[in-house]
Amino acid sequence: MSEQLLWSIGSTLVFVGFAIVIIAIILLFLKNANSEKGKVKGGGVFIIGPIPIIFGTDKESVKIILVLSVILMILMLVWIVIYHSFK
């Protein structure tokens, strides 16, 4: 494949990704504008090196994110071991 074609495909995929995100945000706002007020739960994690920094709005969200971040760290370690063993 030529360099020009790969660059075109990559930039098109980035544009399509941004368009999907914008459409999803607009649909979310339209859906929430017509509905009743409800509880919002959520959380997130920053993984800086091997250290996860976890935050959330309630204990249940934090527990779920903690489990997911531990699974992610295990998968990354397995991937690193497998990658370096074939190199």
Protein backbone atom coordinates (compact mmCIF):
# COMPACT_ATOMS: atom_id res chain seq x y z
CA MET A 1 0.00 0.00 0.00
CA SER A 2 1.17 3.47 -0.71
CA GLU A 3 1.95 6.02 1.94
CA GLN A 4 -0.71 8.39 0.60
CA LEU A 5 -3.45 5.75 0.82
CA LEU A 6 -2.57 4.80 4.40
CA TRP A 7 -2.53 8.46 5.44
CA SER A 8 -5.94 9.00 3.82
CA ILE A 9 -7.43 5.95 5.54
CA GLY A 10 -6.01 7.01 8.92
CA SER A 11 -7.26 10.60 8.70
CA THR A 12 -10.69 9.39 7.53
CA LEU A 13 -10.94 7.02 10.51
CA VAL A 14 -10.00 9.85 12.90
CA PHE A 15 -12.66 12.10 11.35
CA VAL A 16 -15.30 9.35 11.55
CA GLY A 17 -14.37 8.74 15.20
CA PHE A 18 -14.82 12.41 16.08
CA ALA A 19 -18.15 12.47 14.22
CA ILE A 20 -19.40 9.43 16.15
CA VAL A 21 -18.43 11.02 19.47
CA ILE A 22 -20.17 14.29 18.60
CA ILE A 23 -23.33 12.48 17.47
CA ALA A 24 -23.34 10.37 20.65
CA ILE A 25 -23.04 13.47 22.84
CA ILE A 26 -25.88 15.20 21.01
CA LEU A 27 -28.10 12.11 21.33
CA LEU A 28 -27.26 11.83 25.03
CA PHE A 29 -28.25 15.45 25.62
CA LEU A 30 -31.50 15.01 23.70
CA LYS A 31 -32.36 11.85 25.62
CA ASN A 32 -31.62 13.39 29.02
CA ALA A 33 -33.51 16.61 28.23
CA ASN A 34 -36.78 14.68 27.95
CA SER A 35 -36.33 12.32 30.90
CA GLU A 36 -36.80 12.71 34.60
CA LYS A 37 -33.94 13.50 36.89
CA GLY A 38 -32.16 10.43 38.17
CA LYS A 39 -29.10 9.29 39.99
CA VAL A 40 -25.83 9.47 38.17
CA LYS A 41 -23.04 7.11 39.15
CA GLY A 42 -19.62 6.91 37.67
CA GLY A 43 -15.92 6.82 38.12
CA GLY A 44 -12.62 6.63 36.40
CA VAL A 45 -9.02 5.64 36.67
CA PHE A 46 -5.69 7.19 35.72
CA ILE A 47 -2.97 4.63 35.25
CA ILE A 48 0.41 6.28 35.73
CA GLY A 49 3.02 3.62 35.23
CA PRO A 50 2.10 0.69 37.46
CA ILE A 51 0.02 2.82 39.85
CA PRO A 52 -3.73 3.23 39.27
CA ILE A 53 -5.39 6.35 40.68
CA ILE A 54 -9.08 5.54 41.07
CA PHE A 55 -11.99 7.92 41.71
CA GLY A 56 -15.75 7.56 41.74
CA THR A 57 -19.06 8.89 42.97
CA ASP A 58 -19.96 5.87 45.11
CA LYS A 59 -18.35 2.76 46.59
CA GLU A 60 -19.88 0.41 44.02
CA SER A 61 -18.40 2.32 41.08
CA VAL A 62 -15.00 2.44 42.74
CA LYS A 63 -15.04 -1.32 43.37
CA ILE A 64 -15.93 -2.08 39.76
CA ILE A 65 -13.24 0.23 38.43
CA LEU A 66 -10.70 -1.23 40.86
CA VAL A 67 -11.39 -4.74 39.57
CA LEU A 68 -11.21 -3.59 35.95
CA SER A 69 -7.93 -1.75 36.52
CA VAL A 70 -6.38 -4.82 38.20
CA ILE A 71 -7.49 -6.97 35.23
CA LEU A 72 -6.00 -4.39 32.85
CA MET A 73 -2.69 -4.38 34.69
CA ILE A 74 -2.54 -8.21 34.64
CA LEU A 75 -3.30 -8.25 30.90
CA MET A 76 -0.58 -5.66 30.27
CA LEU A 77 1.97 -7.69 32.24
CA VAL A 78 1.03 -10.87 30.35
CA TRP A 79 1.32 -9.02 27.05
CA ILE A 80 4.75 -7.65 27.98
CA VAL A 81 6.01 -11.11 28.98
CA ILE A 82 4.68 -12.71 25.80
CA TYR A 83 6.00 -9.90 23.60
CA HIS A 84 9.50 -10.07 25.05
CA SER A 85 9.64 -13.85 24.96
CA PHE A 86 9.16 -13.87 21.16
CA LYS A 87 11.56 -11.02 20.52
